Amino acid sequence: MAQYVILIYEDEAAYANASPEVLGEVMKAHDDFTAQVPQHGAKLLGGEALEPTGTATSVRSGSEVTDGPFVETKKALGGYYLIEAPDLDTALRIGRLCPARFGGVEVRPVMTFD
């Protein structure tokens, strides 16, 4: 089986302005998602939410250090899941289930070095 990362890109401002009820709904959606992964023929290997881009520190060319994200964007990388799936079609099916209320997801194969 191959590994795939599901990258979650969303509008950080929407989360900053969301009510506690909305945040609770989002957390429940992620709990439901993680429970569904095995039912779709894949294995959840891990995943985490990331702190907002305002907490990021970027290093360019190995020496230049700056506060903030590496790239300015409207939709920021807010978290990820790492899954193991038999093929891209399965990974995409799971990616479609991944909650991203204020954005979308990107499904990308993990490179292997044999």
PDB file of N, CA and C in Angstrom:
ATOM      1  N   MET A   1       0.839  -1.188   0.000  1.00  0.00           N
ATOM      2  CA  MET A   1       0.000   0.000   0.000  1.00  0.00           C
ATOM      3  C   MET A   1       0.878   1.243   0.000  1.00  0.00           C
ATOM      4  N   ALA A   2       0.372   2.286  -0.605  1.00  0.00           N
ATOM      5  CA  ALA A   2       1.095   3.553  -0.691  1.00  0.00           C
ATOM      6  C   ALA A   2       0.611   4.507   0.403  1.00  0.00           C
ATOM      7  N   GLN A   3       1.448   5.484   0.694  1.00  0.00           N
ATOM      8  CA  GLN A   3       1.069   6.517   1.658  1.00  0.00           C
ATOM      9  C   GLN A   3       0.689   7.787   0.911  1.00  0.00           C
ATOM     10  N   TYR A   4      -0.297   8.479   1.465  1.00  0.00           N
ATOM     11  CA  TYR A   4      -0.779   9.741   0.916  1.00  0.00           C
ATOM     12  C   TYR A   4      -0.951  10.723   2.066  1.00  0.00           C
ATOM     13  N   VAL A   5      -0.676  11.984   1.776  1.00  0.00           N
ATOM     14  CA  VAL A   5      -0.936  13.015   2.767  1.00  0.00           C
ATOM     15  C   VAL A   5      -2.134  13.831   2.276  1.00  0.00           C
ATOM     16  N   ILE A   6      -3.048  14.084   3.187  1.00  0.00           N
ATOM     17  CA  ILE A   6      -4.201  14.935   2.897  1.00  0.00           C
ATOM     18  C   ILE A   6      -3.902  16.263   3.581  1.00  0.00           C
ATOM     19  N   LEU A   7      -3.642  17.283   2.783  1.00  0.00           N
ATOM     20  CA  LEU A   7      -3.301  18.616   3.287  1.00  0.00           C
ATOM     21  C   LEU A   7      -4.569  19.459   3.328  1.00  0.00           C
ATOM     22  N   ILE A   8      -4.844  20.045   4.477  1.00  0.00           N
ATOM     23  CA  ILE A   8      -6.079  20.805   4.673  1.00  0.00           C
ATOM     24  C   ILE A   8      -5.754  22.297   4.606  1.00  0.00           C
ATOM     25  N   TYR A   9      -6.302  22.965   3.592  1.00  0.00           N
ATOM     26  CA  TYR A   9      -6.096  24.398   3.399  1.00  0.00           C
ATOM     27  C   TYR A   9      -7.407  25.119   3.672  1.00  0.00           C
ATOM     28  N   GLU A  10      -7.361  26.078   4.604  1.00  0.00           N
ATOM     29  CA  GLU A  10      -8.584  26.797   4.946  1.00  0.00           C
ATOM     30  C   GLU A  10      -8.301  28.263   5.246  1.00  0.00           C
ATOM     31  N   ASP A  11      -9.379  29.034   5.319  1.00  0.00           N
ATOM     32  CA  ASP A  11      -9.318  30.453   5.628  1.00  0.00           C
ATOM     33  C   ASP A  11      -9.163  30.621   7.141  1.00  0.00           C
ATOM     34  N   GLU A  12      -7.999  31.067   7.590  1.00  0.00           N
ATOM     35  CA  GLU A  12      -7.747  31.230   9.025  1.00  0.00           C
ATOM     36  C   GLU A  12      -8.685  32.245   9.673  1.00  0.00           C
ATOM     37  N   ALA A  13      -9.058  33.283   8.946  1.00  0.00           N
ATOM     38  CA  ALA A  13      -9.945  34.313   9.500  1.00  0.00           C
ATOM     39  C   ALA A  13     -11.304  33.720   9.856  1.00  0.00           C
ATOM     40  N   ALA A  14     -11.762  32.765   9.061  1.00  0.00           N
ATOM     41  CA  ALA A  14     -13.052  32.129   9.351  1.00  0.00           C
ATOM     42  C   ALA A  14     -12.995  31.393  10.682  1.00  0.00           C
ATOM     43  N   TYR A  15     -11.869  30.752  10.964  1.00  0.00           N
ATOM     44  CA  TYR A  15     -11.724  30.076  12.262  1.00  0.00           C
ATOM     45  C   TYR A  15     -11.592  31.083  13.398  1.00  0.00           C
ATOM     46  N   ALA A  16     -10.868  32.155  13.164  1.00  0.00           N
ATOM     47  CA  ALA A  16     -10.668  33.163  14.207  1.00  0.00           C
ATOM     48  C   ALA A  16     -12.003  33.796  14.614  1.00  0.00           C
ATOM     49  N   ASN A  17     -12.938  33.866  13.670  1.00  0.00           N
ATOM     50  CA  ASN A  17     -14.234  34.490  13.926  1.00  0.00           C
ATOM     51  C   ASN A  17     -15.350  33.490  14.204  1.00  0.00           C
ATOM     52  N   ALA A  18     -15.033  32.200  14.224  1.00  0.00           N
ATOM     53  CA  ALA A  18     -16.059  31.173  14.398  1.00  0.00           C
ATOM     54  C   ALA A  18     -16.523  31.100  15.850  1.00  0.00           C
ATOM     55  N   SER A  19     -17.789  30.787  16.000  1.00  0.00           N
ATOM     56  CA  SER A  19     -18.367  30.630  17.342  1.00  0.00           C
ATOM     57  C   SER A  19     -17.889  29.313  17.951  1.00  0.00           C
ATOM     58  N   PRO A  20     -17.989  29.185  19.266  1.00  0.00           N
ATOM     59  CA  PRO A  20     -17.643  27.908  19.903  1.00  0.00           C
ATOM     60  C   PRO A  20     -18.467  26.743  19.347  1.00  0.00           C
ATOM     61  N   GLU A  21     -19.707  27.006  18.968  1.00  0.00           N
ATOM     62  CA  GLU A  21     -20.549  25.955  18.394  1.00  0.00           C
ATOM     63  C   GLU A  21     -19.985  25.470  17.064  1.00  0.00           C
ATOM     64  N   VAL A  22     -19.568  26.402  16.224  1.00  0.00           N
ATOM     65  CA  VAL A  22     -18.982  26.026  14.929  1.00  0.00           C
ATOM     66  C   VAL A  22     -17.689  25.251  15.142  1.00  0.00           C
ATOM     67  N   LEU A  23     -16.850  25.711  16.055  1.00  0.00           N
ATOM     68  CA  LEU A  23     -15.607  24.995  16.334  1.00  0.00           C
ATOM     69  C   LEU A  23     -15.885  23.585  16.842  1.00  0.00           C
ATOM     70  N   GLY A  24     -16.921  23.428  17.648  1.00  0.00           N
ATOM     71  CA  GLY A  24     -17.323  22.102  18.119  1.00  0.00           C
ATOM     72  C   GLY A  24     -17.792  21.219  16.977  1.00  0.00           C
ATOM     73  N   GLU A  25     -18.529  21.801  16.041  1.00  0.00           N
ATOM     74  CA  GLU A  25     -18.983  21.046  14.865  1.00  0.00           C
ATOM     75  C   GLU A  25     -17.794  20.593  14.025  1.00  0.00           C
ATOM     76  N   VAL A  26     -16.809  21.461  13.882  1.00  0.00           N
ATOM     77  CA  VAL A  26     -15.611  21.116  13.106  1.00  0.00           C
ATOM     78  C   VAL A  26     -14.869  19.962  13.777  1.00  0.00           C
ATOM     79  N   MET A  27     -14.706  20.036  15.086  1.00  0.00           N
ATOM     80  CA  MET A  27     -14.009  18.960  15.807  1.00  0.00           C
ATOM     81  C   MET A  27     -14.764  17.634  15.668  1.00  0.00           C
ATOM     82  N   LYS A  28     -16.084  17.677  15.770  1.00  0.00           N
ATOM     83  CA  LYS A  28     -16.881  16.457  15.599  1.00  0.00           C
ATOM     84  C   LYS A  28     -16.722  15.908  14.193  1.00  0.00           C
ATOM     85  N   ALA A  29     -16.700  16.788  13.200  1.00  0.00           N
ATOM     86  CA  ALA A  29     -16.526  16.340  11.816  1.00  0.00           C
ATOM     87  C   ALA A  29     -15.187  15.618  11.644  1.00  0.00           C
ATOM     88  N   HIS A  30     -14.145  16.122  12.296  1.00  0.00           N
ATOM     89  CA  HIS A  30     -12.834  15.453  12.200  1.00  0.00           C
ATOM     90  C   HIS A  30     -12.853  14.122  12.949  1.00  0.00           C
ATOM     91  N   ASP A  31     -13.509  14.056  14.084  1.00  0.00           N
ATOM     92  CA  ASP A  31     -13.645  12.788  14.795  1.00  0.00           C
ATOM     93  C   ASP A  31     -14.384  11.764  13.932  1.00  0.00           C
ATOM     94  N   ASP A  32     -15.470  12.199  13.296  1.00  0.00           N
ATOM     95  CA  ASP A  32     -16.239  11.318  12.415  1.00  0.00           C
ATOM     96  C   ASP A  32     -15.382  10.867  11.228  1.00  0.00           C
ATOM     97  N   PHE A  33     -14.612  11.792  10.670  1.00  0.00           N
ATOM     98  CA  PHE A  33     -13.744  11.468   9.536  1.00  0.00           C
ATOM     99  C   PHE A  33     -12.750  10.372   9.898  1.00  0.00           C
ATOM    100  N   THR A  34     -12.069  10.526  11.024  1.00  0.00           N
ATOM    101  CA  THR A  34     -11.052   9.539  11.400  1.00  0.00           C
ATOM    102  C   THR A  34     -11.680   8.158  11.629  1.00  0.00           C
ATOM    103  N   ALA A  35     -12.920   8.128  12.076  1.00  0.00           N
ATOM    104  CA  ALA A  35     -13.605   6.854  12.256  1.00  0.00           C
ATOM    105  C   ALA A  35     -13.977   6.215  10.919  1.00  0.00           C
ATOM    106  N   GLN A  36     -14.174   7.027   9.882  1.00  0.00           N
ATOM    107  CA  GLN A  36     -14.589   6.526   8.571  1.00  0.00           C
ATOM    108  C   GLN A  36     -13.443   5.984   7.726  1.00  0.00           C
ATOM    109  N   VAL A  37     -12.226   6.427   7.976  1.00  0.00           N
ATOM    110  CA  VAL A  37     -11.089   6.049   7.120  1.00  0.00           C
ATOM    111  C   VAL A  37     -10.979   4.536   6.941  1.00  0.00           C
ATOM    112  N   PRO A  38     -10.981   3.738   8.025  1.00  0.00           N
ATOM    113  CA  PRO A  38     -10.848   2.289   7.832  1.00  0.00           C
ATOM    114  C   PRO A  38     -12.007   1.668   7.049  1.00  0.00           C
ATOM    115  N   GLN A  39     -13.175   2.264   7.136  1.00  0.00           N
ATOM    116  CA  GLN A  39     -14.346   1.750   6.419  1.00  0.00           C
ATOM    117  C   GLN A  39     -14.214   1.916   4.910  1.00  0.00           C
ATOM    118  N   HIS A  40     -13.243   2.719   4.490  1.00  0.00           N
ATOM    119  CA  HIS A  40     -13.032   2.970   3.065  1.00  0.00           C
ATOM    120  C   HIS A  40     -11.756   2.319   2.550  1.00  0.00           C
ATOM    121  N   GLY A  41     -11.264   1.326   3.272  1.00  0.00           N
ATOM    122  CA  GLY A  41     -10.141   0.535   2.792  1.00  0.00           C
ATOM    123  C   GLY A  41      -8.769   1.150   2.996  1.00  0.00           C
ATOM    124  N   ALA A  42      -8.647   2.057   3.937  1.00  0.00           N
ATOM    125  CA  ALA A  42      -7.354   2.706   4.183  1.00  0.00           C
ATOM    126  C   ALA A  42      -7.062   2.694   5.678  1.00  0.00           C
ATOM    127  N   LYS A  43      -5.847   3.099   6.000  1.00  0.00           N
ATOM    128  CA  LYS A  43      -5.415   3.150   7.396  1.00  0.00           C
ATOM    129  C   LYS A  43      -4.931   4.563   7.697  1.00  0.00           C
ATOM    130  N   LEU A  44      -5.400   5.108   8.813  1.00  0.00           N
ATOM    131  CA  LEU A  44      -4.947   6.423   9.257  1.00  0.00           C
ATOM    132  C   LEU A  44      -3.639   6.238  10.018  1.00  0.00           C
ATOM    133  N   LEU A  45      -2.563   6.858   9.525  1.00  0.00           N
ATOM    134  CA  LEU A  45      -1.252   6.730  10.156  1.00  0.00           C
ATOM    135  C   LEU A  45      -0.939   7.877  11.104  1.00  0.00           C
ATOM    136  N   GLY A  46      -1.609   8.999  10.917  1.00  0.00           N
ATOM    137  CA  GLY A  46      -1.371  10.146  11.782  1.00  0.00           C
ATOM    138  C   GLY A  46      -2.010  11.390  11.220  1.00  0.00           C
ATOM    139  N   GLY A  47      -1.869  12.461  11.960  1.00  0.00           N
ATOM    140  CA  GLY A  47      -2.399  13.742  11.526  1.00  0.00           C
ATOM    141  C   GLY A  47      -2.371  14.717  12.678  1.00  0.00           C
ATOM    142  N   GLU A  48      -2.309  15.968  12.331  1.00  0.00           N
ATOM    143  CA  GLU A  48      -2.262  17.025  13.342  1.00  0.00           C
ATOM    144  C   GLU A  48      -2.832  18.310  12.766  1.00  0.00           C
ATOM    145  N   ALA A  49      -3.344  19.150  13.657  1.00  0.00           N
ATOM    146  CA  ALA A  49      -3.709  20.524  13.314  1.00  0.00           C
ATOM    147  C   ALA A  49      -2.473  21.387  13.542  1.00  0.00           C
ATOM    148  N   LEU A  50      -2.342  22.433  12.771  1.00  0.00           N
ATOM    149  CA  LEU A  50      -1.207  23.344  12.899  1.00  0.00           C
ATOM    150  C   LEU A  50      -1.658  24.662  13.509  1.00  0.00           C
ATOM    151  N   GLU A  51      -0.762  25.293  14.223  1.00  0.00           N
ATOM    152  CA  GLU A  51      -1.027  26.630  14.764  1.00  0.00           C
ATOM    153  C   GLU A  51      -1.168  27.604  13.583  1.00  0.00           C
ATOM    154  N   PRO A  52      -1.834  28.758  13.782  1.00  0.00           N
ATOM    155  CA  PRO A  52      -2.014  29.723  12.691  1.00  0.00           C
ATOM    156  C   PRO A  52      -0.687  30.195  12.093  1.00  0.00           C
ATOM    157  N   THR A  53      -0.759  30.686  10.869  1.00  0.00           N
ATOM    158  CA  THR A  53       0.453  31.115  10.161  1.00  0.00           C
ATOM    159  C   THR A  53       1.177  32.250  10.873  1.00  0.00           C
ATOM    160  N   GLY A  54       0.476  33.000  11.697  1.00  0.00           N
ATOM    161  CA  GLY A  54       1.127  34.063  12.455  1.00  0.00           C
ATOM    162  C   GLY A  54       2.180  33.549  13.425  1.00  0.00           C
ATOM    163  N   THR A  55       2.135  32.273  13.732  1.00  0.00           N
ATOM    164  CA  THR A  55       3.128  31.680  14.629  1.00  0.00           C
ATOM    165  C   THR A  55       4.319  31.096  13.877  1.00  0.00           C
ATOM    166  N   ALA A  56       4.261  31.121  12.547  1.00  0.00           N
ATOM    167  CA  ALA A  56       5.308  30.499  11.722  1.00  0.00           C
ATOM    168  C   ALA A  56       6.582  31.334  11.689  1.00  0.00           C
ATOM    169  N   THR A  57       7.684  30.656  11.535  1.00  0.00           N
ATOM    170  CA  THR A  57       8.979  31.274  11.268  1.00  0.00           C
ATOM    171  C   THR A  57       9.545  30.570  10.045  1.00  0.00           C
ATOM    172  N   SER A  58       9.957  31.333   9.048  1.00  0.00           N
ATOM    173  CA  SER A  58      10.453  30.761   7.798  1.00  0.00           C
ATOM    174  C   SER A  58      11.961  30.897   7.702  1.00  0.00           C
ATOM    175  N   VAL A  59      12.588  29.886   7.142  1.00  0.00           N
ATOM    176  CA  VAL A  59      14.029  29.903   6.882  1.00  0.00           C
ATOM    177  C   VAL A  59      14.205  29.748   5.375  1.00  0.00           C
ATOM    178  N   ARG A  60      14.876  30.702   4.768  1.00  0.00           N
ATOM    179  CA  ARG A  60      15.106  30.679   3.323  1.00  0.00           C
ATOM    180  C   ARG A  60      16.589  30.531   3.043  1.00  0.00           C
ATOM    181  N   SER A  61      16.889  29.689   2.096  1.00  0.00           N
ATOM    182  CA  SER A  61      18.271  29.457   1.667  1.00  0.00           C
ATOM    183  C   SER A  61      19.178  29.077   2.831  1.00  0.00           C
ATOM    184  N   GLY A  62      18.605  28.476   3.855  1.00  0.00           N
ATOM    185  CA  GLY A  62      19.387  27.974   4.960  1.00  0.00           C
ATOM    186  C   GLY A  62      19.899  29.004   5.940  1.00  0.00           C
ATOM    187  N   SER A  63      19.672  30.293   5.677  1.00  0.00           N
ATOM    188  CA  SER A  63      20.226  31.275   6.605  1.00  0.00           C
ATOM    189  C   SER A  63      19.292  32.436   6.928  1.00  0.00           C
ATOM    190  N   GLU A  64      18.498  32.882   6.000  1.00  0.00           N
ATOM    191  CA  GLU A  64      17.614  34.031   6.238  1.00  0.00           C
ATOM    192  C   GLU A  64      16.389  33.578   7.025  1.00  0.00           C
ATOM    193  N   VAL A  65      16.212  34.104   8.228  1.00  0.00           N
ATOM    194  CA  VAL A  65      15.091  33.738   9.094  1.00  0.00           C
ATOM    195  C   VAL A  65      14.149  34.931   9.195  1.00  0.00           C
ATOM    196  N   THR A  66      12.858  34.679   8.915  1.00  0.00           N
ATOM    197  CA  THR A  66      11.860  35.744   9.000  1.00  0.00           C
ATOM    198  C   THR A  66      10.628  35.229   9.726  1.00  0.00           C
ATOM    199  N   ASP A  67       9.925  36.142  10.389  1.00  0.00           N
ATOM    200  CA  ASP A  67       8.663  35.786  11.018  1.00  0.00           C
ATOM    201  C   ASP A  67       7.602  35.637   9.948  1.00  0.00           C
ATOM    202  N   GLY A  68       6.684  34.726  10.157  1.00  0.00           N
ATOM    203  CA  GLY A  68       5.562  34.554   9.244  1.00  0.00           C
ATOM    204  C   GLY A  68       5.723  33.353   8.335  1.00  0.00           C
ATOM    205  N   PRO A  69       4.669  33.081   7.579  1.00  0.00           N
ATOM    206  CA  PRO A  69       4.669  31.909   6.697  1.00  0.00           C
ATOM    207  C   PRO A  69       5.626  32.083   5.526  1.00  0.00           C
ATOM    208  N   PHE A  70       5.977  30.968   4.917  1.00  0.00           N
ATOM    209  CA  PHE A  70       6.893  30.984   3.772  1.00  0.00           C
ATOM    210  C   PHE A  70       6.243  31.677   2.575  1.00  0.00           C
ATOM    211  N   VAL A  71       4.945  31.463   2.400  1.00  0.00           N
ATOM    212  CA  VAL A  71       4.203  32.043   1.276  1.00  0.00           C
ATOM    213  C   VAL A  71       2.932  32.690   1.812  1.00  0.00           C
ATOM    214  N   GLU A  72       2.633  33.888   1.349  1.00  0.00           N
ATOM    215  CA  GLU A  72       1.377  34.548   1.710  1.00  0.00           C
ATOM    216  C   GLU A  72       0.267  33.971   0.834  1.00  0.00           C
ATOM    217  N   THR A  73      -0.847  33.607   1.455  1.00  0.00           N
ATOM    218  CA  THR A  73      -1.946  33.006   0.720  1.00  0.00           C
ATOM    219  C   THR A  73      -3.258  33.231   1.462  1.00  0.00           C
ATOM    220  N   LYS A  74      -4.377  33.176   0.734  1.00  0.00           N
ATOM    221  CA  LYS A  74      -5.679  33.332   1.378  1.00  0.00           C
ATOM    222  C   LYS A  74      -6.063  32.084   2.153  1.00  0.00           C
ATOM    223  N   LYS A  75      -5.725  30.936   1.619  1.00  0.00           N
ATOM    224  CA  LYS A  75      -6.000  29.659   2.283  1.00  0.00           C
ATOM    225  C   LYS A  75      -4.674  29.122   2.809  1.00  0.00           C
ATOM    226  N   ALA A  76      -4.608  28.884   4.109  1.00  0.00           N
ATOM    227  CA  ALA A  76      -3.364  28.452   4.739  1.00  0.00           C
ATOM    228  C   ALA A  76      -3.427  26.968   5.083  1.00  0.00           C
ATOM    229  N   LEU A  77      -2.268  26.337   5.096  1.00  0.00           N
ATOM    230  CA  LEU A  77      -2.172  24.952   5.524  1.00  0.00           C
ATOM    231  C   LEU A  77      -2.469  24.909   7.014  1.00  0.00           C
ATOM    232  N   GLY A  78      -3.581  24.281   7.372  1.00  0.00           N
ATOM    233  CA  GLY A  78      -4.006  24.271   8.760  1.00  0.00           C
ATOM    234  C   GLY A  78      -3.867  22.927   9.438  1.00  0.00           C
ATOM    235  N   GLY A  79      -3.571  21.894   8.660  1.00  0.00           N
ATOM    236  CA  GLY A  79      -3.421  20.569   9.241  1.00  0.00           C
ATOM    237  C   GLY A  79      -3.264  19.532   8.153  1.00  0.00           C
ATOM    238  N   TYR A  80      -3.085  18.291   8.588  1.00  0.00           N
ATOM    239  CA  TYR A  80      -2.876  17.212   7.627  1.00  0.00           C
ATOM    240  C   TYR A  80      -3.257  15.876   8.245  1.00  0.00           C
ATOM    241  N   TYR A  81      -3.489  14.920   7.391  1.00  0.00           N
ATOM    242  CA  TYR A  81      -3.627  13.519   7.765  1.00  0.00           C
ATOM    243  C   TYR A  81      -2.679  12.721   6.889  1.00  0.00           C
ATOM    244  N   LEU A  82      -2.092  11.697   7.443  1.00  0.00           N
ATOM    245  CA  LEU A  82      -1.269  10.758   6.688  1.00  0.00           C
ATOM    246  C   LEU A  82      -2.023   9.438   6.669  1.00  0.00           C
ATOM    247  N   ILE A  83      -2.296   8.938   5.460  1.00  0.00           N
ATOM    248  CA  ILE A  83      -3.034   7.689   5.334  1.00  0.00           C
ATOM    249  C   ILE A  83      -2.229   6.695   4.507  1.00  0.00           C
ATOM    250  N   GLU A  84      -2.597   5.446   4.639  1.00  0.00           N
ATOM    251  CA  GLU A  84      -2.069   4.389   3.798  1.00  0.00           C
ATOM    252  C   GLU A  84      -3.261   3.826   3.042  1.00  0.00           C
ATOM    253  N   ALA A  85      -3.152   3.784   1.719  1.00  0.00           N
ATOM    254  CA  ALA A  85      -4.269   3.345   0.890  1.00  0.00           C
ATOM    255  C   ALA A  85      -3.735   2.501  -0.269  1.00  0.00           C
ATOM    256  N   PRO A  86      -4.571   1.610  -0.791  1.00  0.00           N
ATOM    257  CA  PRO A  86      -4.106   0.744  -1.877  1.00  0.00           C
ATOM    258  C   PRO A  86      -3.841   1.475  -3.187  1.00  0.00           C
ATOM    259  N   ASP A  87      -4.504   2.625  -3.395  1.00  0.00           N
ATOM    260  CA  ASP A  87      -4.320   3.347  -4.653  1.00  0.00           C
ATOM    261  C   ASP A  87      -4.821   4.787  -4.523  1.00  0.00           C
ATOM    262  N   LEU A  88      -4.545   5.571  -5.549  1.00  0.00           N
ATOM    263  CA  LEU A  88      -4.940   6.984  -5.540  1.00  0.00           C
ATOM    264  C   LEU A  88      -6.453   7.148  -5.488  1.00  0.00           C
ATOM    265  N   ASP A  89      -7.193   6.288  -6.183  1.00  0.00           N
ATOM    266  CA  ASP A  89      -8.654   6.411  -6.153  1.00  0.00           C
ATOM    267  C   ASP A  89      -9.193   6.294  -4.731  1.00  0.00           C
ATOM    268  N   THR A  90      -8.651   5.369  -3.953  1.00  0.00           N
ATOM    269  CA  THR A  90      -9.075   5.224  -2.559  1.00  0.00           C
ATOM    270  C   THR A  90      -8.689   6.455  -1.753  1.00  0.00           C
ATOM    271  N   ALA A  91      -7.468   6.943  -1.966  1.00  0.00           N
ATOM    272  CA  ALA A  91      -7.010   8.142  -1.255  1.00  0.00           C
ATOM    273  C   ALA A  91      -7.894   9.345  -1.587  1.00  0.00           C
ATOM    274  N   LEU A  92      -8.283   9.479  -2.839  1.00  0.00           N
ATOM    275  CA  LEU A  92      -9.154  10.590  -3.238  1.00  0.00           C
ATOM    276  C   LEU A  92     -10.548  10.446  -2.635  1.00  0.00           C
ATOM    277  N   ARG A  93     -11.036   9.223  -2.573  1.00  0.00           N
ATOM    278  CA  ARG A  93     -12.345   8.986  -1.946  1.00  0.00           C
ATOM    279  C   ARG A  93     -12.303   9.432  -0.482  1.00  0.00           C
ATOM    280  N   ILE A  94     -11.215   9.127   0.192  1.00  0.00           N
ATOM    281  CA  ILE A  94     -11.061   9.545   1.582  1.00  0.00           C
ATOM    282  C   ILE A  94     -10.862  11.058   1.672  1.00  0.00           C
ATOM    283  N   GLY A  95     -10.093  11.615   0.746  1.00  0.00           N
ATOM    284  CA  GLY A  95      -9.894  13.061   0.713  1.00  0.00           C
ATOM    285  C   GLY A  95     -11.204  13.821   0.581  1.00  0.00           C
ATOM    286  N   ARG A  96     -12.127  13.270  -0.184  1.00  0.00           N
ATOM    287  CA  ARG A  96     -13.440  13.917  -0.341  1.00  0.00           C
ATOM    288  C   ARG A  96     -14.220  13.942   0.972  1.00  0.00           C
ATOM    289  N   LEU A  97     -13.932  13.004   1.848  1.00  0.00           N
ATOM    290  CA  LEU A  97     -14.619  12.935   3.142  1.00  0.00           C
ATOM    291  C   LEU A  97     -14.013  13.872   4.189  1.00  0.00           C
ATOM    292  N   CYS A  98     -12.782  14.330   3.938  1.00  0.00           N
ATOM    293  CA  CYS A  98     -12.052  15.120   4.927  1.00  0.00           C
ATOM    294  C   CYS A  98     -12.702  16.483   5.131  1.00  0.00           C
ATOM    295  N   PRO A  99     -13.015  16.833   6.374  1.00  0.00           N
ATOM    296  CA  PRO A  99     -13.646  18.124   6.631  1.00  0.00           C
ATOM    297  C   PRO A  99     -12.713  19.295   6.302  1.00  0.00           C
ATOM    298  N   ALA A 100     -13.248  20.252   5.597  1.00  0.00           N
ATOM    299  CA  ALA A 100     -12.533  21.503   5.308  1.00  0.00           C
ATOM    300  C   ALA A 100     -13.603  22.570   5.107  1.00  0.00           C
ATOM    301  N   ARG A 101     -14.297  22.890   6.164  1.00  0.00           N
ATOM    302  CA  ARG A 101     -15.464  23.782   6.130  1.00  0.00           C
ATOM    303  C   ARG A 101     -15.153  25.125   5.482  1.00  0.00           C
ATOM    304  N   PHE A 102     -13.948  25.638   5.694  1.00  0.00           N
ATOM    305  CA  PHE A 102     -13.591  26.969   5.198  1.00  0.00           C
ATOM    306  C   PHE A 102     -12.538  26.907   4.097  1.00  0.00           C
ATOM    307  N   GLY A 103     -12.506  25.808   3.345  1.00  0.00           N
ATOM    308  CA  GLY A 103     -11.504  25.694   2.283  1.00  0.00           C
ATOM    309  C   GLY A 103     -11.609  24.387   1.542  1.00  0.00           C
ATOM    310  N   GLY A 104     -10.477  23.688   1.413  1.00  0.00           N
ATOM    311  CA  GLY A 104     -10.451  22.430   0.685  1.00  0.00           C
ATOM    312  C   GLY A 104      -9.221  21.629   1.062  1.00  0.00           C
ATOM    313  N   VAL A 105      -9.072  20.491   0.417  1.00  0.00           N
ATOM    314  CA  VAL A 105      -7.939  19.627   0.709  1.00  0.00           C
ATOM    315  C   VAL A 105      -7.161  19.314  -0.565  1.00  0.00           C
ATOM    316  N   GLU A 106      -5.925  18.934  -0.357  1.00  0.00           N
ATOM    317  CA  GLU A 106      -5.060  18.456  -1.432  1.00  0.00           C
ATOM    318  C   GLU A 106      -4.605  17.058  -1.030  1.00  0.00           C
ATOM    319  N   VAL A 107      -4.723  16.108  -1.936  1.00  0.00           N
ATOM    320  CA  VAL A 107      -4.261  14.740  -1.695  1.00  0.00           C
ATOM    321  C   VAL A 107      -2.995  14.544  -2.514  1.00  0.00           C
ATOM    322  N   ARG A 108      -1.926  14.149  -1.829  1.00  0.00           N
ATOM    323  CA  ARG A 108      -0.641  14.021  -2.515  1.00  0.00           C
ATOM    324  C   ARG A 108       0.054  12.723  -2.090  1.00  0.00           C
ATOM    325  N   PRO A 109       0.547  11.949  -3.072  1.00  0.00           N
ATOM    326  CA  PRO A 109       1.295  10.741  -2.710  1.00  0.00           C
ATOM    327  C   PRO A 109       2.609  11.096  -2.025  1.00  0.00           C
ATOM    328  N   VAL A 110       2.993  10.261  -1.062  1.00  0.00           N
ATOM    329  CA  VAL A 110       4.282  10.418  -0.405  1.00  0.00           C
ATOM    330  C   VAL A 110       5.315   9.722  -1.279  1.00  0.00           C
ATOM    331  N   MET A 111       6.410  10.405  -1.554  1.00  0.00           N
ATOM    332  CA  MET A 111       7.451   9.854  -2.407  1.00  0.00           C
ATOM    333  C   MET A 111       8.172   8.719  -1.680  1.00  0.00           C
ATOM    334  N   THR A 112       8.446   7.672  -2.412  1.00  0.00           N
ATOM    335  CA  THR A 112       9.210   6.558  -1.852  1.00  0.00           C
ATOM    336  C   THR A 112      10.574   6.498  -2.531  1.00  0.00           C
ATOM    337  N   PHE A 113      11.557   6.109  -1.771  1.00  0.00           N
ATOM    338  CA  PHE A 113      12.920   5.974  -2.286  1.00  0.00           C
ATOM    339  C   PHE A 113      13.330   4.518  -2.099  1.00  0.00           C
ATOM    340  N   ASP A 114      13.406   3.793  -3.198  1.00  0.00           N
ATOM    341  CA  ASP A 114      13.791   2.377  -3.125  1.00  0.00           C
ATOM    342  C   ASP A 114      15.224   2.186  -3.557  1.00  0.00           C
TER     343      ASP A 114
END
